[in-house]
Amino acid sequence: MALLKLGDKYSVTRLESACRRALTYTASPNLKSIQTILKTGQDKIPDEKPAENKENIKNFGFTRGAAYYGRTSK
């Protein structure tokens, strides 16, 4: 019930964001950790995701061709 009360005090969207952030830290967050995230405003900080450059992914692959392993390439 205390966790739901935090939604009344802050907002439901901030509570969801705080819970999401707490789950990135630990698999079983507690009320105290979510309260701390909300009090310090860490839920407002956007998540840092590594940027994927699909062009670079295409450029990397096996360094040796099929001929090296005794197979013919298609």
PDB file of N, CA and C in Angstrom:
ATOM      1  N   MET A   1       0.818  -1.193   0.000  1.00  0.00           N
ATOM      2  CA  MET A   1       0.000   0.000   0.000  1.00  0.00           C
ATOM      3  C   MET A   1       0.870   1.268   0.000  1.00  0.00           C
ATOM      4  N   ALA A   2       2.001   1.182   0.660  1.00  0.00           N
ATOM      5  CA  ALA A   2       2.877   2.353   0.709  1.00  0.00           C
ATOM      6  C   ALA A   2       3.402   2.695  -0.676  1.00  0.00           C
ATOM      7  N   LEU A   3       3.622   1.683  -1.484  1.00  0.00           N
ATOM      8  CA  LEU A   3       4.097   1.921  -2.842  1.00  0.00           C
ATOM      9  C   LEU A   3       3.027   2.620  -3.674  1.00  0.00           C
ATOM     10  N   LEU A   4       1.791   2.245  -3.506  1.00  0.00           N
ATOM     11  CA  LEU A   4       0.702   2.901  -4.226  1.00  0.00           C
ATOM     12  C   LEU A   4       0.496   4.331  -3.745  1.00  0.00           C
ATOM     13  N   LYS A   5       0.742   4.588  -2.476  1.00  0.00           N
ATOM     14  CA  LYS A   5       0.644   5.946  -1.942  1.00  0.00           C
ATOM     15  C   LYS A   5       1.678   6.869  -2.571  1.00  0.00           C
ATOM     16  N   LEU A   6       2.834   6.310  -2.950  1.00  0.00           N
ATOM     17  CA  LEU A   6       3.843   7.121  -3.625  1.00  0.00           C
ATOM     18  C   LEU A   6       3.307   7.635  -4.962  1.00  0.00           C
ATOM     19  N   GLY A   7       2.455   6.856  -5.603  1.00  0.00           N
ATOM     20  CA  GLY A   7       1.829   7.284  -6.849  1.00  0.00           C
ATOM     21  C   GLY A   7       0.923   8.482  -6.641  1.00  0.00           C
ATOM     22  N   ASP A   8       0.292   8.565  -5.467  1.00  0.00           N
ATOM     23  CA  ASP A   8      -0.544   9.732  -5.153  1.00  0.00           C
ATOM     24  C   ASP A   8       0.321  10.956  -4.858  1.00  0.00           C
ATOM     25  N   LYS A   9       1.427  10.752  -4.173  1.00  0.00           N
ATOM     26  CA  LYS A   9       2.297  11.866  -3.778  1.00  0.00           C
ATOM     27  C   LYS A   9       3.043  12.446  -4.982  1.00  0.00           C
ATOM     28  N   TYR A  10       3.608  11.597  -5.812  1.00  0.00           N
ATOM     29  CA  TYR A  10       4.368  12.065  -6.975  1.00  0.00           C
ATOM     30  C   TYR A  10       3.451  12.015  -8.197  1.00  0.00           C
ATOM     31  N   SER A  11       3.498  10.985  -8.953  1.00  0.00           N
ATOM     32  CA  SER A  11       2.549  10.707 -10.032  1.00  0.00           C
ATOM     33  C   SER A  11       2.740   9.257 -10.440  1.00  0.00           C
ATOM     34  N   VAL A  12       1.756   8.740 -11.120  1.00  0.00           N
ATOM     35  CA  VAL A  12       1.829   7.342 -11.520  1.00  0.00           C
ATOM     36  C   VAL A  12       2.946   7.139 -12.552  1.00  0.00           C
ATOM     37  N   THR A  13       3.121   8.096 -13.447  1.00  0.00           N
ATOM     38  CA  THR A  13       4.171   7.959 -14.461  1.00  0.00           C
ATOM     39  C   THR A  13       5.566   8.014 -13.832  1.00  0.00           C
ATOM     40  N   ARG A  14       5.745   8.892 -12.842  1.00  0.00           N
ATOM     41  CA  ARG A  14       7.031   8.947 -12.153  1.00  0.00           C
ATOM     42  C   ARG A  14       7.278   7.685 -11.350  1.00  0.00           C
ATOM     43  N   LEU A  15       6.230   7.151 -10.740  1.00  0.00           N
ATOM     44  CA  LEU A  15       6.358   5.912  -9.979  1.00  0.00           C
ATOM     45  C   LEU A  15       6.750   4.763 -10.900  1.00  0.00           C
ATOM     46  N   GLU A  16       6.123   4.680 -12.065  1.00  0.00           N
ATOM     47  CA  GLU A  16       6.470   3.643 -13.041  1.00  0.00           C
ATOM     48  C   GLU A  16       7.928   3.773 -13.474  1.00  0.00           C
ATOM     49  N   SER A  17       8.348   5.005 -13.727  1.00  0.00           N
ATOM     50  CA  SER A  17       9.722   5.245 -14.144  1.00  0.00           C
ATOM     51  C   SER A  17      10.708   4.880 -13.043  1.00  0.00           C
ATOM     52  N   ALA A  18      10.365   5.198 -11.813  1.00  0.00           N
ATOM     53  CA  ALA A  18      11.234   4.864 -10.679  1.00  0.00           C
ATOM     54  C   ALA A  18      11.326   3.352 -10.492  1.00  0.00           C
ATOM     55  N   CYS A  19      10.223   2.673 -10.665  1.00  0.00           N
ATOM     56  CA  CYS A  19      10.233   1.207 -10.539  1.00  0.00           C
ATOM     57  C   CYS A  19      11.064   0.579 -11.655  1.00  0.00           C
ATOM     58  N   ARG A  20      10.951   1.137 -12.859  1.00  0.00           N
ATOM     59  CA  ARG A  20      11.736   0.635 -13.985  1.00  0.00           C
ATOM     60  C   ARG A  20      13.226   0.819 -13.715  1.00  0.00           C
ATOM     61  N   ARG A  21      13.575   1.987 -13.195  1.00  0.00           N
ATOM     62  CA  ARG A  21      14.981   2.251 -12.899  1.00  0.00           C
ATOM     63  C   ARG A  21      15.470   1.355 -11.756  1.00  0.00           C
ATOM     64  N   ALA A  22      14.643   1.132 -10.754  1.00  0.00           N
ATOM     65  CA  ALA A  22      15.041   0.276  -9.632  1.00  0.00           C
ATOM     66  C   ALA A  22      15.270  -1.154 -10.105  1.00  0.00           C
ATOM     67  N   LEU A  23      14.499  -1.595 -11.072  1.00  0.00           N
ATOM     68  CA  LEU A  23      14.681  -2.945 -11.593  1.00  0.00           C
ATOM     69  C   LEU A  23      15.965  -3.090 -12.398  1.00  0.00           C
ATOM     70  N   THR A  24      16.514  -1.985 -12.884  1.00  0.00           N
ATOM     71  CA  THR A  24      17.805  -2.079 -13.566  1.00  0.00           C
ATOM     72  C   THR A  24      18.935  -2.260 -12.562  1.00  0.00           C
ATOM     73  N   TYR A  25      18.718  -1.836 -11.326  1.00  0.00           N
ATOM     74  CA  TYR A  25      19.743  -1.973 -10.292  1.00  0.00           C
ATOM     75  C   TYR A  25      19.721  -3.360  -9.654  1.00  0.00           C
ATOM     76  N   THR A  26      18.538  -3.865  -9.359  1.00  0.00           N
ATOM     77  CA  THR A  26      18.402  -5.131  -8.643  1.00  0.00           C
ATOM     78  C   THR A  26      17.131  -5.840  -9.103  1.00  0.00           C
ATOM     79  N   ALA A  27      17.109  -7.145  -8.934  1.00  0.00           N
ATOM     80  CA  ALA A  27      15.941  -7.925  -9.347  1.00  0.00           C
ATOM     81  C   ALA A  27      14.788  -7.804  -8.359  1.00  0.00           C
ATOM     82  N   SER A  28      15.088  -7.438  -7.122  1.00  0.00           N
ATOM     83  CA  SER A  28      14.037  -7.309  -6.110  1.00  0.00           C
ATOM     84  C   SER A  28      14.195  -5.990  -5.350  1.00  0.00           C
ATOM     85  N   PRO A  29      13.728  -4.890  -5.939  1.00  0.00           N
ATOM     86  CA  PRO A  29      13.840  -3.595  -5.255  1.00  0.00           C
ATOM     87  C   PRO A  29      12.880  -3.508  -4.072  1.00  0.00           C
ATOM     88  N   ASN A  30      13.228  -2.661  -3.132  1.00  0.00           N
ATOM     89  CA  ASN A  30      12.352  -2.466  -1.981  1.00  0.00           C
ATOM     90  C   ASN A  30      11.779  -1.044  -1.994  1.00  0.00           C
ATOM     91  N   LEU A  31      10.887  -0.782  -1.076  1.00  0.00           N
ATOM     92  CA  LEU A  31      10.208   0.513  -1.002  1.00  0.00           C
ATOM     93  C   LEU A  31      11.196   1.644  -0.789  1.00  0.00           C
ATOM     94  N   LYS A  32      12.176   1.422   0.042  1.00  0.00           N
ATOM     95  CA  LYS A  32      13.164   2.460   0.356  1.00  0.00           C
ATOM     96  C   LYS A  32      13.931   2.893  -0.891  1.00  0.00           C
ATOM     97  N   SER A  33      14.306   1.945  -1.736  1.00  0.00           N
ATOM     98  CA  SER A  33      15.059   2.303  -2.938  1.00  0.00           C
ATOM     99  C   SER A  33      14.198   3.103  -3.915  1.00  0.00           C
ATOM    100  N   ILE A  34      12.936   2.757  -4.035  1.00  0.00           N
ATOM    101  CA  ILE A  34      12.044   3.499  -4.929  1.00  0.00           C
ATOM    102  C   ILE A  34      11.775   4.891  -4.375  1.00  0.00           C
ATOM    103  N   GLN A  35      11.636   5.007  -3.057  1.00  0.00           N
ATOM    104  CA  GLN A  35      11.463   6.326  -2.434  1.00  0.00           C
ATOM    105  C   GLN A  35      12.678   7.204  -2.698  1.00  0.00           C
ATOM    106  N   THR A  36      13.856   6.642  -2.578  1.00  0.00           N
ATOM    107  CA  THR A  36      15.084   7.400  -2.813  1.00  0.00           C
ATOM    108  C   THR A  36      15.169   7.869  -4.257  1.00  0.00           C
ATOM    109  N   ILE A  37      14.815   7.002  -5.188  1.00  0.00           N
ATOM    110  CA  ILE A  37      14.838   7.379  -6.601  1.00  0.00           C
ATOM    111  C   ILE A  37      13.877   8.535  -6.857  1.00  0.00           C
ATOM    112  N   LEU A  38      12.710   8.493  -6.265  1.00  0.00           N
ATOM    113  CA  LEU A  38      11.725   9.560  -6.454  1.00  0.00           C
ATOM    114  C   LEU A  38      12.164  10.863  -5.786  1.00  0.00           C
ATOM    115  N   LYS A  39      12.712  10.771  -4.580  1.00  0.00           N
ATOM    116  CA  LYS A  39      13.132  11.979  -3.859  1.00  0.00           C
ATOM    117  C   LYS A  39      14.277  12.694  -4.562  1.00  0.00           C
ATOM    118  N   THR A  40      15.214  11.918  -5.110  1.00  0.00           N
ATOM    119  CA  THR A  40      16.371  12.533  -5.758  1.00  0.00           C
ATOM    120  C   THR A  40      16.120  12.888  -7.222  1.00  0.00           C
ATOM    121  N   GLY A  41      14.982  12.457  -7.749  1.00  0.00           N
ATOM    122  CA  GLY A  41      14.632  12.807  -9.127  1.00  0.00           C
ATOM    123  C   GLY A  41      15.338  11.969 -10.171  1.00  0.00           C
ATOM    124  N   GLN A  42      15.873  10.831  -9.775  1.00  0.00           N
ATOM    125  CA  GLN A  42      16.568   9.970 -10.722  1.00  0.00           C
ATOM    126  C   GLN A  42      15.625   9.388 -11.766  1.00  0.00           C
ATOM    127  N   ASP A  43      14.333   9.369 -11.463  1.00  0.00           N
ATOM    128  CA  ASP A  43      13.365   8.840 -12.422  1.00  0.00           C
ATOM    129  C   ASP A  43      13.181   9.773 -13.622  1.00  0.00           C
ATOM    130  N   LYS A  44      13.569  11.027 -13.478  1.00  0.00           N
ATOM    131  CA  LYS A  44      13.439  11.999 -14.567  1.00  0.00           C
ATOM    132  C   LYS A  44      14.611  11.948 -15.536  1.00  0.00           C
ATOM    133  N   ILE A  45      15.709  11.335 -15.122  1.00  0.00           N
ATOM    134  CA  ILE A  45      16.899  11.240 -15.971  1.00  0.00           C
ATOM    135  C   ILE A  45      16.641  10.172 -17.027  1.00  0.00           C
ATOM    136  N   PRO A  46      16.838  10.504 -18.292  1.00  0.00           N
ATOM    137  CA  PRO A  46      16.587   9.495 -19.334  1.00  0.00           C
ATOM    138  C   PRO A  46      17.593   8.353 -19.250  1.00  0.00           C
ATOM    139  N   ASP A  47      17.126   7.169 -19.610  1.00  0.00           N
ATOM    140  CA  ASP A  47      17.991   5.994 -19.604  1.00  0.00           C
ATOM    141  C   ASP A  47      19.026   6.125 -20.694  1.00  0.00           C
ATOM    142  N   GLU A  48      20.236   5.755 -20.360  1.00  0.00           N
ATOM    143  CA  GLU A  48      21.313   5.795 -21.348  1.00  0.00           C
ATOM    144  C   GLU A  48      21.381   4.440 -22.032  1.00  0.00           C
ATOM    145  N   LYS A  49      21.104   4.440 -23.311  1.00  0.00           N
ATOM    146  CA  LYS A  49      21.187   3.217 -24.087  1.00  0.00           C
ATOM    147  C   LYS A  49      22.305   3.388 -25.103  1.00  0.00           C
ATOM    148  N   PRO A  50      23.110   2.366 -25.267  1.00  0.00           N
ATOM    149  CA  PRO A  50      24.178   2.493 -26.262  1.00  0.00           C
ATOM    150  C   PRO A  50      23.588   2.615 -27.661  1.00  0.00           C
ATOM    151  N   ALA A  51      24.117   3.539 -28.415  1.00  0.00           N
ATOM    152  CA  ALA A  51      23.622   3.761 -29.765  1.00  0.00           C
ATOM    153  C   ALA A  51      24.129   2.656 -30.677  1.00  0.00           C
ATOM    154  N   GLU A  52      23.206   2.062 -31.389  1.00  0.00           N
ATOM    155  CA  GLU A  52      23.575   1.019 -32.342  1.00  0.00           C
ATOM    156  C   GLU A  52      23.651   1.623 -33.723  1.00  0.00           C
ATOM    157  N   ASN A  53      24.735   1.401 -34.363  1.00  0.00           N
ATOM    158  CA  ASN A  53      24.896   1.860 -35.723  1.00  0.00           C
ATOM    159  C   ASN A  53      24.818   0.626 -36.610  1.00  0.00           C
ATOM    160  N   LYS A  54      23.682   0.459 -37.290  1.00  0.00           N
ATOM    161  CA  LYS A  54      23.460  -0.748 -38.074  1.00  0.00           C
ATOM    162  C   LYS A  54      24.432  -0.858 -39.231  1.00  0.00           C
ATOM    163  N   GLU A  55      24.940   0.259 -39.683  1.00  0.00           N
ATOM    164  CA  GLU A  55      25.908   0.223 -40.766  1.00  0.00           C
ATOM    165  C   GLU A  55      27.187  -0.469 -40.309  1.00  0.00           C
ATOM    166  N   ASN A  56      27.624  -0.180 -39.076  1.00  0.00           N
ATOM    167  CA  ASN A  56      28.837  -0.804 -38.548  1.00  0.00           C
ATOM    168  C   ASN A  56      28.637  -2.290 -38.297  1.00  0.00           C
ATOM    169  N   ILE A  57      27.424  -2.687 -37.953  1.00  0.00           N
ATOM    170  CA  ILE A  57      27.163  -4.097 -37.705  1.00  0.00           C
ATOM    171  C   ILE A  57      27.335  -4.895 -38.996  1.00  0.00           C
ATOM    172  N   LYS A  58      26.927  -4.326 -40.108  1.00  0.00           N
ATOM    173  CA  LYS A  58      27.056  -5.006 -41.395  1.00  0.00           C
ATOM    174  C   LYS A  58      28.520  -5.177 -41.785  1.00  0.00           C
ATOM    175  N   ASN A  59      29.362  -4.260 -41.417  1.00  0.00           N
ATOM    176  CA  ASN A  59      30.767  -4.302 -41.818  1.00  0.00           C
ATOM    177  C   ASN A  59      31.559  -5.372 -41.085  1.00  0.00           C
ATOM    178  N   PHE A  60      31.088  -5.818 -39.934  1.00  0.00           N
ATOM    179  CA  PHE A  60      31.808  -6.807 -39.173  1.00  0.00           C
ATOM    180  C   PHE A  60      31.236  -8.182 -39.454  1.00  0.00           C
ATOM    181  N   GLY A  61      32.063  -9.141 -39.464  1.00  0.00           N
ATOM    182  CA  GLY A  61      31.634 -10.512 -39.713  1.00  0.00           C
ATOM    183  C   GLY A  61      32.809 -11.432 -39.483  1.00  0.00           C
ATOM    184  N   PHE A  62      32.760 -12.558 -40.128  1.00  0.00           N
ATOM    185  CA  PHE A  62      33.876 -13.487 -40.020  1.00  0.00           C
ATOM    186  C   PHE A  62      35.075 -12.902 -40.752  1.00  0.00           C
ATOM    187  N   THR A  63      36.220 -13.004 -40.136  1.00  0.00           N
ATOM    188  CA  THR A  63      37.412 -12.444 -40.767  1.00  0.00           C
ATOM    189  C   THR A  63      38.001 -13.406 -41.785  1.00  0.00           C
ATOM    190  N   ARG A  64      37.675 -14.685 -41.649  1.00  0.00           N
ATOM    191  CA  ARG A  64      38.164 -15.673 -42.609  1.00  0.00           C
ATOM    192  C   ARG A  64      36.973 -16.174 -43.412  1.00  0.00           C
ATOM    193  N   GLY A  65      37.171 -16.357 -44.664  1.00  0.00           N
ATOM    194  CA  GLY A  65      36.098 -16.830 -45.524  1.00  0.00           C
ATOM    195  C   GLY A  65      35.891 -18.329 -45.422  1.00  0.00           C
ATOM    196  N   ALA A  66      34.939 -18.819 -46.179  1.00  0.00           N
ATOM    197  CA  ALA A  66      34.614 -20.237 -46.171  1.00  0.00           C
ATOM    198  C   ALA A  66      35.771 -21.075 -46.707  1.00  0.00           C
ATOM    199  N   ALA A  67      36.564 -20.525 -47.618  1.00  0.00           N
ATOM    200  CA  ALA A  67      37.699 -21.265 -48.196  1.00  0.00           C
ATOM    201  C   ALA A  67      38.718 -21.632 -47.114  1.00  0.00           C
ATOM    202  N   TYR A  68      38.874 -20.813 -46.103  1.00  0.00           N
ATOM    203  CA  TYR A  68      39.817 -21.090 -45.038  1.00  0.00           C
ATOM    204  C   TYR A  68      39.439 -22.368 -44.291  1.00  0.00           C
ATOM    205  N   TYR A  69      38.139 -22.585 -44.117  1.00  0.00           N
ATOM    206  CA  TYR A  69      37.647 -23.731 -43.375  1.00  0.00           C
ATOM    207  C   TYR A  69      37.412 -24.951 -44.277  1.00  0.00           C
ATOM    208  N   GLY A  70      37.823 -24.862 -45.530  1.00  0.00           N
ATOM    209  CA  GLY A  70      37.689 -25.994 -46.429  1.00  0.00           C
ATOM    210  C   GLY A  70      36.345 -26.085 -47.108  1.00  0.00           C
ATOM    211  N   ARG A  71      35.565 -25.044 -47.031  1.00  0.00           N
ATOM    212  CA  ARG A  71      34.262 -25.027 -47.697  1.00  0.00           C
ATOM    213  C   ARG A  71      34.302 -24.007 -48.815  1.00  0.00           C
ATOM    214  N   THR A  72      33.417 -24.171 -49.715  1.00  0.00           N
ATOM    215  CA  THR A  72      33.324 -23.195 -50.789  1.00  0.00           C
ATOM    216  C   THR A  72      32.282 -22.171 -50.424  1.00  0.00           C
ATOM    217  N   SER A  73      32.518 -20.957 -50.778  1.00  0.00           N
ATOM    218  CA  SER A  73      31.546 -19.899 -50.460  1.00  0.00           C
ATOM    219  C   SER A  73      30.467 -19.888 -51.528  1.00  0.00           C
ATOM    220  N   LYS A  74      29.272 -19.503 -51.123  1.00  0.00           N
ATOM    221  CA  LYS A  74      28.127 -19.457 -52.035  1.00  0.00           C
ATOM    222  C   LYS A  74      28.029 -18.125 -52.718  1.00  0.00           C
TER     223      LYS A  74
END
